[in-house]
Protein backbone atom coordinates (compact mmCIF):
# COMPACT_ATOMS: atom_id res chain seq x y z
CA MET A 1 22.43 -29.29 -18.66
CA SER A 2 22.08 -32.41 -16.52
CA VAL A 3 19.46 -32.79 -13.82
CA SER A 4 22.10 -32.54 -11.08
CA ASP A 5 23.50 -29.33 -12.62
CA TRP A 6 20.00 -27.87 -12.86
CA LEU A 7 19.25 -28.72 -9.22
CA ASN A 8 22.46 -26.99 -8.14
CA GLN A 9 21.60 -23.68 -9.79
CA PRO A 10 21.67 -20.94 -7.09
CA TYR A 11 18.01 -20.00 -7.53
CA ILE A 12 16.82 -23.62 -7.45
CA ALA A 13 18.99 -24.48 -4.44
CA THR A 14 17.82 -21.39 -2.56
CA MET A 15 14.22 -20.92 -3.64
CA GLY A 16 13.28 -24.37 -4.98
CA PRO A 17 10.85 -25.38 -2.19
CA LEU A 18 9.27 -21.91 -2.13
CA LEU A 19 8.80 -21.84 -5.91
CA THR A 20 7.42 -25.40 -5.97
CA VAL A 21 4.83 -24.73 -3.27
CA SER A 22 3.84 -21.42 -4.90
CA ALA A 23 3.43 -23.09 -8.29
CA ALA A 24 1.31 -25.86 -6.76
CA ALA A 25 -0.89 -23.24 -5.05
CA LEU A 26 -1.46 -21.38 -8.33
CA ILE A 27 -2.24 -24.57 -10.25
CA ILE A 28 -4.74 -25.71 -7.63
CA MET A 29 -6.34 -22.26 -7.55
CA VAL A 30 -6.84 -22.34 -11.34
CA LEU A 31 -8.25 -25.88 -11.16
CA GLU A 32 -10.63 -24.84 -8.41
CA PHE A 33 -12.03 -22.00 -10.52
CA THR A 34 -12.18 -23.95 -13.80
CA CYS A 35 -13.20 -27.44 -12.59
CA ARG A 36 -15.70 -26.77 -9.85
CA LYS A 37 -17.10 -30.30 -9.94
CA LEU A 38 -13.68 -31.79 -9.18
CA ASP A 39 -13.57 -33.70 -5.90
CA ARG A 40 -11.82 -31.62 -3.23
CA ARG A 41 -9.77 -34.68 -2.25
CA TRP A 42 -8.10 -34.70 -5.67
CA LEU A 43 -6.97 -31.14 -5.09
CA ILE A 44 -5.64 -32.06 -1.65
CA GLY A 45 -3.81 -35.02 -3.23
CA LEU A 46 -2.23 -32.66 -5.75
CA ALA A 47 -1.21 -30.36 -2.90
CA LEU A 48 0.36 -33.32 -1.09
CA ALA A 49 2.37 -34.14 -4.21
CA GLY A 50 3.58 -30.53 -4.52
CA VAL A 51 4.65 -30.35 -0.88
CA ALA A 52 6.36 -33.75 -1.16
CA VAL A 53 8.42 -32.49 -4.12
CA ALA A 54 9.32 -29.33 -2.18
CA LEU A 55 10.38 -31.46 0.80
CA ALA A 56 12.58 -33.60 -1.47
CA GLU A 57 14.24 -30.42 -2.79
CA ALA A 58 14.86 -29.16 0.74
CA LEU A 59 16.40 -32.47 1.79
CA VAL A 60 18.64 -32.64 -1.30
CA HIS A 61 20.17 -29.26 -0.41
CA PHE A 62 20.15 -29.79 3.36
CA TYR A 63 23.94 -29.92 3.72
CA HIS A 64 24.86 -27.65 0.82
CA ASP A 65 26.91 -24.53 1.38
CA PRO A 66 24.87 -21.37 2.03
CA ALA A 67 23.66 -19.61 -1.09
CA MET A 68 21.72 -16.38 -1.62
CA ALA A 69 19.18 -15.29 -4.21
CA LEU A 70 17.95 -11.73 -4.90
CA ASN A 71 20.02 -10.57 -1.90
CA THR A 72 17.05 -11.35 0.33
CA VAL A 73 16.57 -15.14 0.45
CA VAL A 74 19.27 -17.51 1.66
CA THR A 75 19.65 -21.24 2.13
CA ASP A 76 21.61 -21.77 5.32
CA ALA A 77 21.27 -23.92 8.44
CA PHE A 78 18.33 -21.90 9.78
CA ALA A 79 16.49 -22.05 6.46
CA ASN A 80 17.19 -25.76 5.92
CA VAL A 81 16.12 -26.98 9.37
CA PHE A 82 12.98 -24.87 9.54
CA SER A 83 12.00 -25.39 5.90
CA VAL A 84 12.06 -29.18 6.37
CA LEU A 85 10.02 -28.82 9.56
CA ILE A 86 7.48 -26.55 7.84
CA LEU A 87 7.09 -28.95 4.90
CA ILE A 88 6.71 -32.00 7.18
CA SER A 89 4.03 -30.10 9.10
CA ALA A 90 2.31 -29.22 5.83
CA LEU A 91 2.25 -32.88 4.76
CA LEU A 92 0.69 -33.89 8.09
CA VAL A 93 -1.94 -31.12 7.92
CA LEU A 94 -2.86 -32.00 4.33
CA LEU A 95 -3.19 -35.69 5.25
CA PHE A 96 -5.50 -34.56 8.05
CA ALA A 97 -7.46 -32.43 5.56
CA LEU A 98 -7.75 -35.39 3.18
CA ASP A 99 -9.66 -37.38 5.80
CA TYR A 100 -11.62 -34.30 6.90
CA ALA A 101 -12.74 -33.57 3.34
CA GLY A 102 -14.19 -37.06 3.04
CA GLN A 103 -16.67 -36.28 5.81
CA VAL A 104 -17.17 -32.51 5.78
CA ARG A 105 -17.60 -30.31 2.71
CA LEU A 106 -14.66 -27.92 2.49
CA ALA A 107 -14.76 -24.47 0.98
CA GLY A 108 -13.12 -24.25 -2.44
CA GLU A 109 -10.39 -21.92 -1.21
CA HIS A 110 -9.21 -24.30 1.53
CA THR A 111 -6.41 -26.18 -0.25
CA TYR A 112 -4.66 -23.39 -2.13
CA LEU A 113 -4.85 -21.07 0.88
CA ILE A 114 -2.96 -23.66 2.92
CA LEU A 115 -0.28 -23.76 0.22
CA PHE A 116 -0.02 -19.97 0.06
CA ALA A 117 0.38 -20.00 3.85
CA VAL A 118 3.14 -22.61 3.51
CA ALA A 119 4.86 -20.41 0.92
CA GLY A 120 4.76 -17.50 3.36
CA ALA A 121 6.15 -19.73 6.10
CA LEU A 122 9.04 -20.82 3.87
CA ALA A 123 9.82 -17.16 3.13
CA MET A 124 9.88 -16.46 6.87
CA ALA A 125 12.38 -19.29 7.37
CA SER A 126 14.80 -18.23 4.65
CA ALA A 127 14.61 -14.43 4.23
CA VAL A 128 17.45 -12.20 5.42
CA ASP A 129 15.71 -8.90 4.86
CA LEU A 130 13.15 -7.32 7.18
CA ILE A 131 10.81 -6.40 4.34
CA THR A 132 10.86 -9.91 2.86
CA LEU A 133 10.34 -11.42 6.31
CA TYR A 134 7.35 -9.18 6.87
CA VAL A 135 5.85 -10.02 3.47
CA GLY A 136 6.22 -13.74 4.25
CA LEU A 137 4.62 -13.23 7.65
CA GLU A 138 1.67 -11.37 6.15
CA LEU A 139 1.17 -14.00 3.45
CA LEU A 140 0.99 -16.64 6.18
CA SER A 141 -1.20 -14.48 8.42
CA LEU A 142 -3.73 -13.35 5.79
CA SER A 143 -4.19 -16.91 4.57
CA SER A 144 -4.63 -18.09 8.15
CA TYR A 145 -7.28 -15.46 8.95
CA VAL A 146 -9.41 -16.68 6.05
CA LEU A 147 -8.81 -20.36 6.83
CA VAL A 148 -10.03 -19.92 10.42
CA ALA A 149 -13.25 -18.22 9.27
CA LEU A 150 -13.84 -20.59 6.35
CA ARG A 151 -16.83 -22.37 7.92
CA SER A 152 -19.32 -19.78 6.69
CA ARG A 153 -22.29 -21.28 8.56
CA SER A 154 -20.50 -21.48 11.90
CA ALA A 155 -20.75 -18.55 14.32
CA ALA A 156 -17.76 -19.92 16.27
CA SER A 157 -15.66 -19.92 13.09
CA ALA A 158 -16.60 -16.32 12.27
CA GLU A 159 -15.90 -15.21 15.85
CA GLY A 160 -12.54 -16.97 15.91
CA GLY A 161 -11.59 -15.52 12.54
CA VAL A 162 -12.46 -11.96 13.55
CA LYS A 163 -10.58 -12.19 16.84
CA TYR A 164 -7.58 -13.69 15.09
CA LEU A 165 -7.69 -10.95 12.45
CA LEU A 166 -7.87 -8.14 15.00
CA MET A 167 -5.17 -9.49 17.31
CA GLY A 168 -2.96 -10.56 14.43
CA SER A 169 -3.22 -7.12 12.85
CA ILE A 170 -2.17 -5.51 16.11
CA GLY A 171 0.77 -7.89 16.32
CA SER A 172 1.84 -7.07 12.76
CA ALA A 173 1.64 -3.34 13.48
CA VAL A 174 3.71 -3.65 16.66
CA LEU A 175 6.32 -5.76 14.85
CA LEU A 176 6.53 -3.28 11.97
CA TYR A 177 6.87 -0.41 14.47
CA GLY A 178 9.85 -2.13 16.08
CA MET A 179 11.44 -2.73 12.68
CA SER A 180 11.00 0.96 11.80
CA PHE A 181 13.19 1.99 14.73
CA LEU A 182 16.01 -0.19 13.46
CA TYR A 183 15.68 1.16 9.94
CA GLY A 184 15.60 4.71 11.28
CA VAL A 185 18.96 4.44 13.05
CA THR A 186 20.75 2.20 10.51
CA GLY A 187 19.22 3.01 7.12
CA THR A 188 19.06 -0.65 6.09
CA THR A 189 16.65 -3.57 6.26
CA SER A 190 19.25 -6.26 5.52
CA LEU A 191 19.74 -8.62 8.44
CA ILE A 192 23.31 -9.24 7.35
CA GLN A 193 24.17 -5.54 7.45
CA LEU A 194 22.25 -5.06 10.69
CA GLY A 195 24.19 -7.94 12.25
CA ALA A 196 27.53 -6.60 11.06
CA GLY A 197 26.77 -3.24 12.65
CA GLY A 198 25.03 -4.63 15.71
CA LEU A 199 27.67 -3.55 18.20
CA ALA A 200 27.84 0.01 16.87
CA THR A 201 24.04 0.30 16.76
CA TYR A 202 23.58 -0.94 20.29
CA THR A 203 26.45 1.19 21.63
CA SER A 204 25.18 4.35 19.95
CA TYR A 205 21.45 3.85 20.52
CA PRO A 206 20.97 1.42 23.46
CA GLN A 207 17.49 2.68 24.36
CA ILE A 208 16.24 2.51 20.78
CA ALA A 209 17.74 -0.95 20.28
CA THR A 210 16.10 -2.21 23.46
CA LEU A 211 12.76 -0.70 22.50
CA ALA A 212 12.98 -2.27 19.04
CA PHE A 213 13.76 -5.68 20.60
CA VAL A 214 10.77 -5.48 22.97
CA LEU A 215 8.38 -4.35 20.21
CA MET A 216 9.53 -7.05 17.82
CA LEU A 217 9.29 -9.71 20.52
CA ALA A 218 5.79 -8.51 21.45
CA GLY A 219 4.71 -8.42 17.80
CA MET A 220 5.82 -12.00 17.27
CA GLY A 221 4.22 -12.85 20.63
CA PHE A 222 0.80 -12.31 19.04
CA LYS A 223 1.70 -14.79 16.29
CA LEU A 224 3.11 -17.34 18.76
CA SER A 225 0.26 -17.12 21.31
CA LEU A 226 2.64 -16.00 24.04
CA VAL A 227 1.06 -14.63 27.21
CA PRO A 228 -0.35 -11.94 27.41
CA PHE A 229 -0.89 -11.90 23.64
CA HIS A 230 -2.72 -15.24 23.53
CA MET A 231 -6.37 -14.31 24.04
CA TRP A 232 -7.37 -15.05 20.42
CA THR A 233 -6.02 -18.60 20.56
CA PRO A 234 -8.83 -20.69 22.14
CA ASP A 235 -11.58 -19.08 20.05
CA ALA A 236 -9.64 -19.40 16.80
CA TYR A 237 -8.69 -23.02 17.47
CA GLU A 238 -12.23 -23.95 18.49
CA GLY A 239 -13.92 -22.22 15.56
CA ALA A 240 -11.51 -23.27 12.82
CA PRO A 241 -11.86 -26.53 10.85
CA ALA A 242 -9.94 -29.25 12.69
CA PRO A 243 -7.00 -29.43 10.21
CA ILE A 244 -6.58 -25.65 10.42
CA SER A 245 -6.44 -25.82 14.23
CA ALA A 246 -3.55 -28.27 13.87
CA PHE A 247 -2.02 -25.97 11.24
CA LEU A 248 -2.10 -22.96 13.58
CA ALA A 249 -0.64 -24.94 16.48
CA THR A 250 2.29 -26.39 14.52
CA LEU A 251 3.25 -25.03 11.11
CA SER A 252 2.38 -21.43 11.90
CA LYS A 253 4.30 -21.54 15.18
CA ALA A 254 7.33 -23.24 13.61
CA ALA A 255 7.59 -20.51 10.96
CA ALA A 256 7.17 -17.76 13.55
CA PHE A 257 9.85 -19.24 15.81
CA GLY A 258 12.19 -19.58 12.82
CA MET A 259 11.64 -15.94 11.90
CA LEU A 260 12.05 -14.77 15.49
CA LEU A 261 15.28 -16.73 15.89
CA ARG A 262 16.76 -15.30 12.70
CA MET A 263 15.75 -11.71 13.50
CA LEU A 264 16.90 -11.63 17.11
CA LEU A 265 20.22 -13.36 16.58
CA PHE A 266 21.16 -11.58 13.37
CA ILE A 267 20.20 -8.15 14.66
CA PHE A 268 20.94 -8.27 18.39
CA ASN A 269 23.41 -11.21 18.76
CA ALA A 270 26.10 -10.81 21.44
CA ALA A 271 26.23 -7.04 21.04
CA ALA A 272 22.95 -6.64 22.90
CA SER A 273 22.80 -9.84 24.88
CA ASP A 274 21.22 -8.29 27.95
CA VAL A 275 17.93 -7.62 26.13
CA PHE A 276 17.31 -11.38 25.90
CA PHE A 277 16.28 -11.23 29.56
CA TRP A 278 12.85 -10.11 28.35
CA ALA A 279 12.47 -13.31 26.36
CA GLY A 280 13.06 -15.23 29.62
CA VAL A 281 10.34 -13.25 31.39
CA LEU A 282 7.90 -13.88 28.55
CA ALA A 283 8.76 -17.60 28.47
CA ALA A 284 8.22 -17.94 32.23
CA VAL A 285 4.86 -16.14 32.22
CA THR A 286 3.68 -18.14 29.19
CA MET A 287 4.60 -21.50 30.73
CA VAL A 288 2.83 -20.73 34.01
CA VAL A 289 -0.32 -19.06 32.68
CA GLY A 290 -0.77 -21.51 29.81
CA ASN A 291 -0.75 -24.51 32.14
CA LEU A 292 -2.92 -22.86 34.79
CA ILE A 293 -5.65 -21.91 32.30
CA ALA A 294 -5.54 -25.38 30.71
CA LEU A 295 -6.27 -27.13 34.02
CA PRO A 296 -10.05 -26.42 34.25
CA GLN A 297 -10.78 -26.76 30.51
CA ARG A 298 -13.36 -29.36 29.45
CA ASN A 299 -13.62 -28.45 25.78
CA MET A 300 -10.98 -30.59 24.05
CA LYS A 301 -9.96 -28.09 21.38
CA ARG A 302 -9.72 -25.26 23.91
CA LEU A 303 -7.56 -27.42 26.18
CA LEU A 304 -5.22 -28.19 23.27
CA ALA A 305 -5.18 -24.47 22.49
CA PHE A 306 -3.99 -23.55 25.98
CA SER A 307 -1.63 -26.51 25.90
CA SER A 308 -0.06 -25.01 22.76
CA VAL A 309 0.31 -21.71 24.64
CA ALA A 310 2.27 -23.48 27.39
CA GLN A 311 4.32 -25.38 24.82
CA ALA A 312 5.23 -22.08 23.14
CA GLY A 313 6.66 -20.97 26.48
CA TYR A 314 8.87 -24.07 26.56
CA VAL A 315 10.13 -23.40 23.04
CA LEU A 316 10.83 -19.73 23.87
CA LEU A 317 13.07 -20.74 26.79
CA PRO A 318 16.27 -21.11 24.68
CA PHE A 319 15.87 -17.51 23.47
CA ALA A 320 16.44 -16.30 27.03
CA LEU A 321 19.68 -18.28 27.27
CA PHE A 322 21.43 -16.49 24.42
CA GLN A 323 22.28 -13.71 26.88
CA THR A 324 24.58 -16.00 28.93
CA GLY A 325 25.86 -18.52 26.39
CA ALA A 326 29.01 -18.22 24.30
CA PHE A 327 28.87 -18.99 20.59
CA GLN A 328 29.71 -22.66 21.20
CA ASP A 329 26.78 -22.86 23.63
CA TRP A 330 24.44 -21.43 21.01
CA ILE A 331 24.86 -24.60 18.93
CA SER A 332 23.31 -26.65 21.73
CA LEU A 333 20.45 -24.15 22.02
CA PHE A 334 19.73 -24.35 18.29
CA ASP A 335 19.68 -28.16 18.46
CA SER A 336 17.42 -28.23 21.53
CA LEU A 337 14.95 -25.74 20.08
CA SER A 338 14.80 -27.54 16.72
CA PHE A 339 14.45 -30.99 18.29
CA TYR A 340 11.58 -29.90 20.51
CA LEU A 341 9.73 -28.25 17.61
CA TYR A 342 9.97 -31.42 15.51
CA ALA A 343 8.70 -33.61 18.37
CA TYR A 344 5.97 -31.10 19.24
CA THR A 345 4.71 -31.14 15.64
CA PHE A 346 4.13 -34.90 15.58
CA MET A 347 2.47 -34.93 19.01
CA THR A 348 0.19 -31.96 18.43
CA VAL A 349 -1.06 -32.81 14.93
CA GLY A 350 -1.77 -36.35 16.16
CA ALA A 351 -3.67 -35.12 19.21
CA PHE A 352 -5.84 -32.77 17.12
CA ALA A 353 -6.55 -35.59 14.67
CA VAL A 354 -7.78 -37.99 17.38
CA VAL A 355 -9.89 -35.25 18.96
CA TRP A 356 -11.51 -34.59 15.58
CA VAL A 357 -12.38 -38.27 15.03
CA VAL A 358 -13.75 -38.75 18.55
CA SER A 359 -15.71 -35.49 18.67
CA ARG A 360 -17.37 -36.28 15.33
CA ALA A 361 -18.25 -39.81 16.44
CA ARG A 362 -19.69 -38.61 19.76
CA ASN A 363 -21.03 -35.27 18.43
CA THR A 364 -19.43 -33.24 21.22
CA LEU A 365 -16.16 -31.45 21.93
CA LEU A 366 -16.39 -32.04 25.68
CA ASP A 367 -13.76 -34.37 27.08
CA GLU A 368 -16.50 -36.76 28.24
CA ALA A 369 -16.43 -38.01 24.64
CA LEU A 370 -13.14 -39.74 25.48
CA VAL A 371 -14.72 -42.04 28.07
CA GLY A 372 -14.32 -45.68 27.02
CA LEU A 373 -12.41 -44.86 23.85
CA TYR A 374 -10.29 -47.99 24.23
CA GLN A 375 -13.46 -50.10 23.87
CA GLN A 376 -14.59 -48.37 20.69
CA SER A 377 -11.17 -48.06 19.04
CA PRO A 378 -8.04 -49.46 20.72
CA TRP A 379 -5.90 -47.87 17.99
CA LEU A 380 -7.23 -44.35 18.65
CA ALA A 381 -6.85 -44.88 22.40
CA LEU A 382 -3.23 -46.00 22.00
CA ALA A 383 -2.38 -43.15 19.62
CA LEU A 384 -3.93 -40.46 21.84
CA THR A 385 -2.17 -41.88 24.90
CA VAL A 386 1.19 -41.68 23.12
CA PHE A 387 0.58 -38.06 22.10
CA LEU A 388 -0.55 -37.01 25.57
CA LEU A 389 2.39 -38.72 27.24
CA GLY A 390 4.69 -36.97 24.81
CA LEU A 391 3.19 -33.55 25.46
CA ALA A 392 3.46 -34.18 29.20
CA GLY A 393 7.12 -35.17 28.84
CA VAL A 394 7.00 -38.83 29.88
CA PRO A 395 10.12 -40.95 29.12
CA LEU A 396 10.40 -42.83 25.81
CA THR A 397 8.69 -40.00 23.93
CA GLY A 398 10.13 -37.13 21.91
CA GLY A 399 8.59 -34.63 24.30
CA PHE A 400 10.61 -36.06 27.19
CA VAL A 401 13.93 -35.89 25.33
CA GLY A 402 13.18 -32.36 24.15
CA LYS A 403 12.41 -31.14 27.65
CA VAL A 404 15.51 -32.83 29.05
CA TYR A 405 17.66 -30.91 26.57
CA LEU A 406 15.89 -27.64 27.35
CA PHE A 407 16.32 -28.25 31.09
CA SER A 408 19.99 -29.16 30.78
CA ASP A 409 20.69 -26.05 28.68
CA ALA A 410 19.01 -23.85 31.27
CA VAL A 411 21.09 -25.35 34.11
CA HIS A 412 24.33 -25.30 32.12
CA LEU A 413 23.89 -21.65 31.14
CA HIS A 414 23.17 -20.49 34.71
CA ALA A 415 19.42 -20.00 34.32
CA ALA A 416 18.38 -22.82 36.63
CA TRP A 417 15.25 -20.94 37.65
CA LEU A 418 13.91 -21.34 34.11
CA GLY A 419 14.80 -25.04 34.16
CA VAL A 420 13.03 -25.54 37.48
CA LEU A 421 9.99 -23.65 36.21
CA LEU A 422 9.94 -25.85 33.11
CA PHE A 423 9.97 -28.95 35.34
CA VAL A 424 7.24 -27.63 37.65
CA CYS A 425 4.99 -26.62 34.75
CA SER A 426 5.50 -30.01 33.10
CA VAL A 427 4.41 -31.72 36.33
CA ALA A 428 1.35 -29.45 36.49
CA SER A 429 0.43 -30.44 32.95
CA PHE A 430 0.20 -34.08 34.07
CA PHE A 431 -3.14 -33.25 35.72
CA TYR A 432 -4.95 -32.42 32.50
CA TYR A 433 -3.07 -34.74 30.14
CA PHE A 434 -3.48 -37.73 32.45
CA GLY A 435 -7.09 -36.69 33.07
CA TRP A 436 -7.69 -37.45 29.41
CA VAL A 437 -5.78 -40.74 29.63
CA ARG A 438 -7.93 -41.78 32.60
CA LYS A 439 -11.10 -41.09 30.64
CA VAL A 440 -9.79 -43.02 27.61
CA PHE A 441 -9.42 -46.20 29.69
CA GLN A 442 -12.50 -45.66 31.85
CA PRO A 443 -15.10 -48.43 31.20
CA LEU A 444 -18.03 -47.38 29.06
CA THR A 445 -21.49 -48.78 29.70
CA GLY A 446 -24.77 -48.58 27.82
CA PRO A 447 -25.50 -48.79 24.08
CA LEU A 448 -22.34 -46.84 23.14
CA ALA A 449 -20.12 -49.60 24.54
CA GLY A 450 -20.76 -51.85 21.56
CA GLN A 451 -20.22 -49.20 18.90
CA ARG A 452 -16.97 -48.94 16.98
CA ILE A 453 -15.33 -45.77 15.66
CA HIS A 454 -14.30 -46.06 12.03
CA VAL A 455 -10.97 -44.55 10.97
CA GLY A 456 -10.23 -43.93 7.28
CA PRO A 457 -6.99 -44.89 5.51
CA SER A 458 -5.56 -41.36 5.35
CA MET A 459 -6.26 -40.82 9.05
CA ASN A 460 -4.67 -44.18 9.87
CA LEU A 461 -1.58 -43.16 7.91
CA LEU A 462 -1.45 -39.77 9.65
CA LEU A 463 -1.75 -41.31 13.12
CA ALA A 464 0.84 -43.98 12.30
CA VAL A 465 3.35 -41.34 11.16
CA CYS A 466 2.71 -39.17 14.24
CA VAL A 467 2.97 -42.11 16.67
CA ALA A 468 6.18 -43.28 14.97
CA GLY A 469 7.65 -39.76 15.06
CA THR A 470 6.78 -39.30 18.75
CA LEU A 471 8.22 -42.66 19.83
CA LEU A 472 11.27 -42.75 17.56
CA LEU A 473 12.38 -39.29 18.67
CA GLY A 474 12.02 -40.51 22.25
CA MET A 475 13.74 -43.88 21.91
CA VAL A 476 16.23 -43.10 19.12
CA PRO A 477 16.75 -39.31 19.34
CA ALA A 478 19.95 -39.64 17.30
CA LEU A 479 17.73 -39.95 14.21
CA LEU A 480 17.27 -36.18 14.42
CA LEU A 481 20.17 -35.13 16.64
CA ARG A 482 22.76 -36.57 14.24
CA PRO A 483 21.62 -34.45 11.26
CA LEU A 484 21.38 -31.42 13.55
CA ALA A 485 24.93 -32.07 14.82
CA HIS A 486 26.24 -31.91 11.24
CA THR A 487 24.41 -28.66 10.56
CA LEU A 488 26.72 -25.64 10.27
CA TRP A 489 24.54 -23.26 12.26
CA LEU A 490 27.03 -20.39 12.43
CA SER A 491 28.59 -20.70 8.98
């Protein structure tokens, strides 16, 4: 059998990235237990290699026809787009961890737990069965709980981990409760069968279907930090190791949005379109509250945490528009949602990385540490400025293009109030994003003015990739929009 024939086997085409990441996690776990004196950075390098191979597999099969394995895992447009995003996020987080491990001693479980979380995220992106989706979600969640609390000598890490565990467990229970209603009235957990019988289910049991939708949306709301299920977010982000904070804000959210999109559209689709109104309400509340709470924050990680809450509201906006759009309009919504998640990943990981470097150099997480950054490291100042402008939605950045597409979809699909709210909240976010930019270019006096902040090679590479991703998606959005346009979303 040739290499090309082997790569095109149904199980490899469908489960290749998931199997590769899982195998890498097991290998690293064995090495950690058997070679305890091995430098943690070697293990992270091995993890990077495993994720890179998985990403190559996902890209090779990006345009292949849909295929299914074990009747529960499928490679289709949803799986391909979100799997690539998840693996890119994993590469960025591991690059971040590589620099972090050179300065802070990491717990032995750190690297393979990240890979197990990535495996769970990949399952969430590709599963078409409620049980498999839930198993993937729990694999991601359980790994994340431990990763947040991994700094054993930090009270903030323990507090954040416990809060995340408690709130995440409630979210999982609520989600499972909503799924149980659907199984009770249909007798199946297959998304394909649930979608085929969606009209009959909603016609026969409209109250139960609506209740299931609300419970499932609320359950995923805990995972996505949607208001009012977001209270664990600032403590978990602040207490977690810096790479894990970036992981929670990007990879974890991307997987959860992919799972939510697959569940809601497969199960409720056009047969129950009116229930998507609740997604609009949740998106509106999340955008407003997230930005309002971020305004007075002075702790940099907590501000980025509330910023991620507001950004989750922006990404949830397309879900509300499925109630008014025809199938041809859904394609635009898929593209807009995917584009914004890709841009958001580069901007957010980069922002967390700069905050980590600056806070360690200045020994404080308060935003006063940013004062005079351009004098101590012009490169860090430029990179952080690009990320903040992108998150605010300034032209020539990926964040701007993503918000323009979200706004235009809202207006086109007769939900202008959501588009206007998106615009108003984006303007409000200028106050805290530009507050940071002002501090970065504020002159610094005293002995600190002559000091320089050293940036390692892996951190330089990470920042360069994130800056390039943010700017290229803003100036040449076709780099991503063209592949998305050729994606057969509804095949």
